[in-house]
Amino acid sequence: MALSSDAAASPAGEPDGREAERLFVGRHYDFIRKSWEMAEHRSPKRCWNWYAFLFSFSWLGYRKMYRLAWVVIFAHFFLNLGVDIYTMGEEESQWGAWLVSLGIQMAIALALGFFGMPLYQQHVKRRIADIQAKYGPEQAWAELARQGGTNFWSIFGMLFFWILLAGVVSPLILFSLSA
């Protein structure tokens, strides 16, 4: 991502508060800030995010929350693999296994739909604090712009990895167990 004009013409001081958030989040900051403010007034802190609900781990990767994206991918994979192993060889259980897998997927999607934006807010605050602790005031502006924002291509990387796990690794494991 190219440096924004705010980063290039930054004041001498260290970015703080909403300036740092705006620079780190990038496009759509105003919308995201409103979502964060809505969540602040609720207990537990939550607000609905259709993108997080519909695209789960891809949305996490897009927002550069890679660690959580990998946790979601592997949790989803291993939970579904466990269901498949448990019901392996039982034809009458396949419908139930499908429903359990759908339930796992919906639980993850609902959790991210409700708590995705507050999780993103925590991620932004943590990354800003890390960047400000690691870099001096002048370089912090550039690093916030460079390390923040979004990663469009990670959507495809996450999807590719999920297809690889679900379409290749899982069937290989199940085949080796059934032999």
C-alpha atoms as a PDB file:
ATOM      1  CA  MET A   1       0.000   0.000   0.000  1.00  0.00           C
ATOM      2  CA  ALA A   2       1.375   3.408  -0.886  1.00  0.00           C
ATOM      3  CA  LEU A   3       1.802   5.977   1.833  1.00  0.00           C
ATOM      4  CA  SER A   4      -1.143   8.261   2.218  1.00  0.00           C
ATOM      5  CA  SER A   5      -0.735  11.992   1.935  1.00  0.00           C
ATOM      6  CA  ASP A   6      -1.274  12.225   5.719  1.00  0.00           C
ATOM      7  CA  ALA A   7       1.761  10.009   6.287  1.00  0.00           C
ATOM      8  CA  ALA A   8       3.949  11.886   3.837  1.00  0.00           C
ATOM      9  CA  ALA A   9       3.099  15.300   5.278  1.00  0.00           C
ATOM     10  CA  SER A  10       3.007  14.257   8.910  1.00  0.00           C
ATOM     11  CA  PRO A  11       3.677  16.601  11.786  1.00  0.00           C
ATOM     12  CA  ALA A  12       6.864  16.113  13.748  1.00  0.00           C
ATOM     13  CA  GLY A  13       5.096  14.403  16.649  1.00  0.00           C
ATOM     14  CA  GLU A  14       4.124  10.812  17.102  1.00  0.00           C
ATOM     15  CA  PRO A  15       0.707   9.866  15.708  1.00  0.00           C
ATOM     16  CA  ASP A  16      -1.798   9.214  18.450  1.00  0.00           C
ATOM     17  CA  GLY A  17      -5.468   8.540  18.982  1.00  0.00           C
ATOM     18  CA  ARG A  18      -7.731   8.865  16.005  1.00  0.00           C
ATOM     19  CA  GLU A  19      -4.952  10.153  13.742  1.00  0.00           C
ATOM     20  CA  ALA A  20      -3.079   6.896  14.223  1.00  0.00           C
ATOM     21  CA  GLU A  21      -6.279   4.851  13.829  1.00  0.00           C
ATOM     22  CA  ARG A  22      -7.231   6.660  10.619  1.00  0.00           C
ATOM     23  CA  LEU A  23      -3.784   6.135   9.164  1.00  0.00           C
ATOM     24  CA  PHE A  24      -3.643   2.468  10.178  1.00  0.00           C
ATOM     25  CA  VAL A  25      -7.196   1.526   9.113  1.00  0.00           C
ATOM     26  CA  GLY A  26      -7.085   3.435   5.829  1.00  0.00           C
ATOM     27  CA  ARG A  27     -10.153   3.425   3.592  1.00  0.00           C
ATOM     28  CA  HIS A  28     -13.547   3.296   5.249  1.00  0.00           C
ATOM     29  CA  TYR A  29     -12.187   4.545   8.568  1.00  0.00           C
ATOM     30  CA  ASP A  30     -15.276   6.653   9.263  1.00  0.00           C
ATOM     31  CA  PHE A  31     -17.602   3.666   8.813  1.00  0.00           C
ATOM     32  CA  ILE A  32     -15.374   1.458  10.966  1.00  0.00           C
ATOM     33  CA  ARG A  33     -15.091   4.119  13.671  1.00  0.00           C
ATOM     34  CA  LYS A  34     -18.911   4.353  13.836  1.00  0.00           C
ATOM     35  CA  SER A  35     -19.106   0.581  14.251  1.00  0.00           C
ATOM     36  CA  TRP A  36     -16.596   0.730  17.081  1.00  0.00           C
ATOM     37  CA  GLU A  37     -18.568   3.491  18.773  1.00  0.00           C
ATOM     38  CA  MET A  38     -21.811   1.486  18.477  1.00  0.00           C
ATOM     39  CA  ALA A  39     -20.101  -1.519  20.047  1.00  0.00           C
ATOM     40  CA  GLU A  40     -18.773   0.591  22.930  1.00  0.00           C
ATOM     41  CA  HIS A  41     -22.325   1.244  24.126  1.00  0.00           C
ATOM     42  CA  ARG A  42     -23.296  -2.419  24.260  1.00  0.00           C
ATOM     43  CA  SER A  43     -22.540  -5.154  26.702  1.00  0.00           C
ATOM     44  CA  PRO A  44     -20.869  -7.326  25.600  1.00  0.00           C
ATOM     45  CA  LYS A  45     -19.140  -5.111  23.087  1.00  0.00           C
ATOM     46  CA  ARG A  46     -20.562  -6.178  19.754  1.00  0.00           C
ATOM     47  CA  CYS A  47     -22.020  -4.862  16.522  1.00  0.00           C
ATOM     48  CA  TRP A  48     -23.097  -6.653  13.392  1.00  0.00           C
ATOM     49  CA  ASN A  49     -20.704  -6.892  10.447  1.00  0.00           C
ATOM     50  CA  TRP A  50     -22.026  -8.614   7.328  1.00  0.00           C
ATOM     51  CA  TYR A  51     -18.569  -8.942   5.774  1.00  0.00           C
ATOM     52  CA  ALA A  52     -17.162 -10.752   8.805  1.00  0.00           C
ATOM     53  CA  PHE A  53     -20.270 -12.971   8.928  1.00  0.00           C
ATOM     54  CA  LEU A  54     -20.239 -13.899   5.238  1.00  0.00           C
ATOM     55  CA  PHE A  55     -16.514 -14.177   4.630  1.00  0.00           C
ATOM     56  CA  SER A  56     -15.140 -15.124   8.105  1.00  0.00           C
ATOM     57  CA  PHE A  57     -11.461 -16.072   7.738  1.00  0.00           C
ATOM     58  CA  SER A  58     -11.148 -14.230   4.405  1.00  0.00           C
ATOM     59  CA  TRP A  59     -12.393 -11.046   6.083  1.00  0.00           C
ATOM     60  CA  LEU A  60      -9.851 -11.556   8.872  1.00  0.00           C
ATOM     61  CA  GLY A  61      -7.070 -11.921   6.304  1.00  0.00           C
ATOM     62  CA  TYR A  62      -8.308  -8.881   4.383  1.00  0.00           C
ATOM     63  CA  ARG A  63      -8.097  -6.846   7.604  1.00  0.00           C
ATOM     64  CA  LYS A  64      -4.590  -8.270   8.242  1.00  0.00           C
ATOM     65  CA  MET A  65      -5.611 -10.236  11.325  1.00  0.00           C
ATOM     66  CA  TYR A  66      -3.664 -13.210  10.043  1.00  0.00           C
ATOM     67  CA  ARG A  67      -3.135 -15.050  13.324  1.00  0.00           C
ATOM     68  CA  LEU A  68      -6.846 -15.114  14.092  1.00  0.00           C
ATOM     69  CA  ALA A  69      -7.614 -16.088  10.482  1.00  0.00           C
ATOM     70  CA  TRP A  70      -5.333 -19.133  10.790  1.00  0.00           C
ATOM     71  CA  VAL A  71      -6.904 -20.052  14.141  1.00  0.00           C
ATOM     72  CA  VAL A  72     -10.378 -19.909  12.574  1.00  0.00           C
ATOM     73  CA  ILE A  73      -9.308 -21.935   9.533  1.00  0.00           C
ATOM     74  CA  PHE A  74      -7.656 -24.665  11.590  1.00  0.00           C
ATOM     75  CA  ALA A  75     -10.422 -24.769  14.224  1.00  0.00           C
ATOM     76  CA  HIS A  76     -13.003 -25.118  11.473  1.00  0.00           C
ATOM     77  CA  PHE A  77     -10.932 -27.755   9.707  1.00  0.00           C
ATOM     78  CA  PHE A  78     -10.212 -29.902  12.777  1.00  0.00           C
ATOM     79  CA  LEU A  79     -13.758 -29.682  14.130  1.00  0.00           C
ATOM     80  CA  ASN A  80     -15.178 -30.794  10.785  1.00  0.00           C
ATOM     81  CA  LEU A  81     -12.523 -33.480  10.415  1.00  0.00           C
ATOM     82  CA  GLY A  82     -13.441 -34.774  13.867  1.00  0.00           C
ATOM     83  CA  VAL A  83     -17.099 -34.969  12.888  1.00  0.00           C
ATOM     84  CA  ASP A  84     -16.181 -36.781   9.659  1.00  0.00           C
ATOM     85  CA  ILE A  85     -13.963 -39.272  11.496  1.00  0.00           C
ATOM     86  CA  TYR A  86     -16.622 -39.878  14.141  1.00  0.00           C
ATOM     87  CA  THR A  87     -19.288 -40.666  11.549  1.00  0.00           C
ATOM     88  CA  MET A  88     -17.011 -42.490   9.090  1.00  0.00           C
ATOM     89  CA  GLY A  89     -18.553 -45.642   7.677  1.00  0.00           C
ATOM     90  CA  GLU A  90     -22.024 -44.927   8.980  1.00  0.00           C
ATOM     91  CA  GLU A  91     -24.223 -44.039   6.016  1.00  0.00           C
ATOM     92  CA  GLU A  92     -27.192 -43.046   8.189  1.00  0.00           C
ATOM     93  CA  SER A  93     -24.989 -40.592  10.127  1.00  0.00           C
ATOM     94  CA  GLN A  94     -23.888 -38.587   7.095  1.00  0.00           C
ATOM     95  CA  TRP A  95     -26.891 -36.270   7.216  1.00  0.00           C
ATOM     96  CA  GLY A  96     -26.261 -35.596  10.905  1.00  0.00           C
ATOM     97  CA  ALA A  97     -22.575 -34.993  10.215  1.00  0.00           C
ATOM     98  CA  TRP A  98     -23.489 -32.476   7.539  1.00  0.00           C
ATOM     99  CA  LEU A  99     -25.797 -30.662   9.975  1.00  0.00           C
ATOM    100  CA  VAL A 100     -23.097 -30.579  12.674  1.00  0.00           C
ATOM    101  CA  SER A 101     -20.586 -29.201  10.137  1.00  0.00           C
ATOM    102  CA  LEU A 102     -23.095 -26.567   9.076  1.00  0.00           C
ATOM    103  CA  GLY A 103     -23.657 -25.715  12.742  1.00  0.00           C
ATOM    104  CA  ILE A 104     -19.905 -25.282  13.285  1.00  0.00           C
ATOM    105  CA  GLN A 105     -19.698 -23.012  10.243  1.00  0.00           C
ATOM    106  CA  MET A 106     -22.696 -20.947  11.394  1.00  0.00           C
ATOM    107  CA  ALA A 107     -21.331 -20.627  14.943  1.00  0.00           C
ATOM    108  CA  ILE A 108     -18.025 -19.281  13.622  1.00  0.00           C
ATOM    109  CA  ALA A 109     -19.796 -16.958  11.180  1.00  0.00           C
ATOM    110  CA  LEU A 110     -22.161 -15.623  13.864  1.00  0.00           C
ATOM    111  CA  ALA A 111     -19.324 -15.089  16.336  1.00  0.00           C
ATOM    112  CA  LEU A 112     -17.354 -13.116  13.748  1.00  0.00           C
ATOM    113  CA  GLY A 113     -20.468 -11.264  12.607  1.00  0.00           C
ATOM    114  CA  PHE A 114     -21.125 -10.036  16.145  1.00  0.00           C
ATOM    115  CA  PHE A 115     -17.576  -9.671  17.477  1.00  0.00           C
ATOM    116  CA  GLY A 116     -15.496  -9.066  14.332  1.00  0.00           C
ATOM    117  CA  MET A 117     -15.387  -5.283  14.630  1.00  0.00           C
ATOM    118  CA  PRO A 118     -14.471  -5.223  18.346  1.00  0.00           C
ATOM    119  CA  LEU A 119     -11.767  -7.810  17.582  1.00  0.00           C
ATOM    120  CA  TYR A 120     -10.532  -5.576  14.773  1.00  0.00           C
ATOM    121  CA  GLN A 121     -10.503  -2.588  17.134  1.00  0.00           C
ATOM    122  CA  GLN A 122      -8.335  -4.528  19.606  1.00  0.00           C
ATOM    123  CA  HIS A 123      -6.054  -5.550  16.749  1.00  0.00           C
ATOM    124  CA  VAL A 124      -5.711  -1.936  15.576  1.00  0.00           C
ATOM    125  CA  LYS A 125      -4.937  -0.645  19.082  1.00  0.00           C
ATOM    126  CA  ARG A 126      -2.393  -3.407  19.692  1.00  0.00           C
ATOM    127  CA  ARG A 127      -0.647  -2.879  16.335  1.00  0.00           C
ATOM    128  CA  ILE A 128      -0.536   0.898  16.802  1.00  0.00           C
ATOM    129  CA  ALA A 129       0.998   0.483  20.265  1.00  0.00           C
ATOM    130  CA  ASP A 130       3.555  -2.017  18.904  1.00  0.00           C
ATOM    131  CA  ILE A 131       4.529   0.268  16.039  1.00  0.00           C
ATOM    132  CA  GLN A 132       4.843   3.328  18.270  1.00  0.00           C
ATOM    133  CA  ALA A 133       6.969   1.377  20.760  1.00  0.00           C
ATOM    134  CA  LYS A 134       9.256   0.030  18.050  1.00  0.00           C
ATOM    135  CA  TYR A 135       9.734   3.101  15.841  1.00  0.00           C
ATOM    136  CA  GLY A 136      10.534   6.722  16.442  1.00  0.00           C
ATOM    137  CA  PRO A 137       7.893   9.408  15.843  1.00  0.00           C
ATOM    138  CA  GLU A 138       8.925  10.146  12.254  1.00  0.00           C
ATOM    139  CA  GLN A 139       9.073   6.533  11.147  1.00  0.00           C
ATOM    140  CA  ALA A 140       5.891   5.589  13.041  1.00  0.00           C
ATOM    141  CA  TRP A 141       3.783   7.547  10.535  1.00  0.00           C
ATOM    142  CA  ALA A 142       5.169   5.609   7.599  1.00  0.00           C
ATOM    143  CA  GLU A 143       4.938   2.254   9.413  1.00  0.00           C
ATOM    144  CA  LEU A 144       1.317   2.820  10.408  1.00  0.00           C
ATOM    145  CA  ALA A 145       0.422   3.389   6.767  1.00  0.00           C
ATOM    146  CA  ARG A 146       2.564   0.473   5.556  1.00  0.00           C
ATOM    147  CA  GLN A 147       1.518  -2.128   8.134  1.00  0.00           C
ATOM    148  CA  GLY A 148      -2.119  -1.054   8.336  1.00  0.00           C
ATOM    149  CA  GLY A 149      -4.814  -0.945   5.730  1.00  0.00           C
ATOM    150  CA  THR A 150      -6.064  -4.050   4.018  1.00  0.00           C
ATOM    151  CA  ASN A 151      -4.660  -6.921   1.976  1.00  0.00           C
ATOM    152  CA  PHE A 152      -6.944  -7.784  -0.925  1.00  0.00           C
ATOM    153  CA  TRP A 153      -4.785 -10.686  -2.111  1.00  0.00           C
ATOM    154  CA  SER A 154      -4.941 -12.451   1.237  1.00  0.00           C
ATOM    155  CA  ILE A 155      -8.611 -13.188   0.499  1.00  0.00           C
ATOM    156  CA  PHE A 156      -7.504 -15.490  -2.315  1.00  0.00           C
ATOM    157  CA  GLY A 157      -4.630 -16.932  -0.297  1.00  0.00           C
ATOM    158  CA  MET A 158      -6.943 -17.840   2.576  1.00  0.00           C
ATOM    159  CA  LEU A 159      -9.519 -19.340   0.209  1.00  0.00           C
ATOM    160  CA  PHE A 160      -6.846 -21.333  -1.608  1.00  0.00           C
ATOM    161  CA  PHE A 161      -5.517 -22.700   1.678  1.00  0.00           C
ATOM    162  CA  TRP A 162      -9.026 -23.580   2.871  1.00  0.00           C
ATOM    163  CA  ILE A 163      -9.779 -25.400  -0.399  1.00  0.00           C
ATOM    164  CA  LEU A 164      -6.468 -27.232  -0.082  1.00  0.00           C
ATOM    165  CA  LEU A 165      -7.313 -28.350   3.466  1.00  0.00           C
ATOM    166  CA  ALA A 166     -10.955 -29.222   2.849  1.00  0.00           C
ATOM    167  CA  GLY A 167     -10.588 -30.615  -0.657  1.00  0.00           C
ATOM    168  CA  VAL A 168      -7.233 -32.403  -0.513  1.00  0.00           C
ATOM    169  CA  VAL A 169      -5.905 -32.908   3.023  1.00  0.00           C
ATOM    170  CA  SER A 170      -9.187 -33.924   4.657  1.00  0.00           C
ATOM    171  CA  PRO A 171     -10.075 -36.552   2.010  1.00  0.00           C
ATOM    172  CA  LEU A 172      -6.531 -37.959   2.185  1.00  0.00           C
ATOM    173  CA  ILE A 173      -6.772 -38.306   5.965  1.00  0.00           C
ATOM    174  CA  LEU A 174     -10.207 -39.884   5.758  1.00  0.00           C
ATOM    175  CA  PHE A 175      -9.091 -42.253   2.978  1.00  0.00           C
ATOM    176  CA  SER A 176      -6.032 -43.376   4.955  1.00  0.00           C
ATOM    177  CA  LEU A 177      -8.199 -44.017   8.037  1.00  0.00           C
ATOM    178  CA  SER A 178     -10.789 -46.005   6.098  1.00  0.00           C
ATOM    179  CA  ALA A 179      -8.218 -48.288   4.460  1.00  0.00           C
END
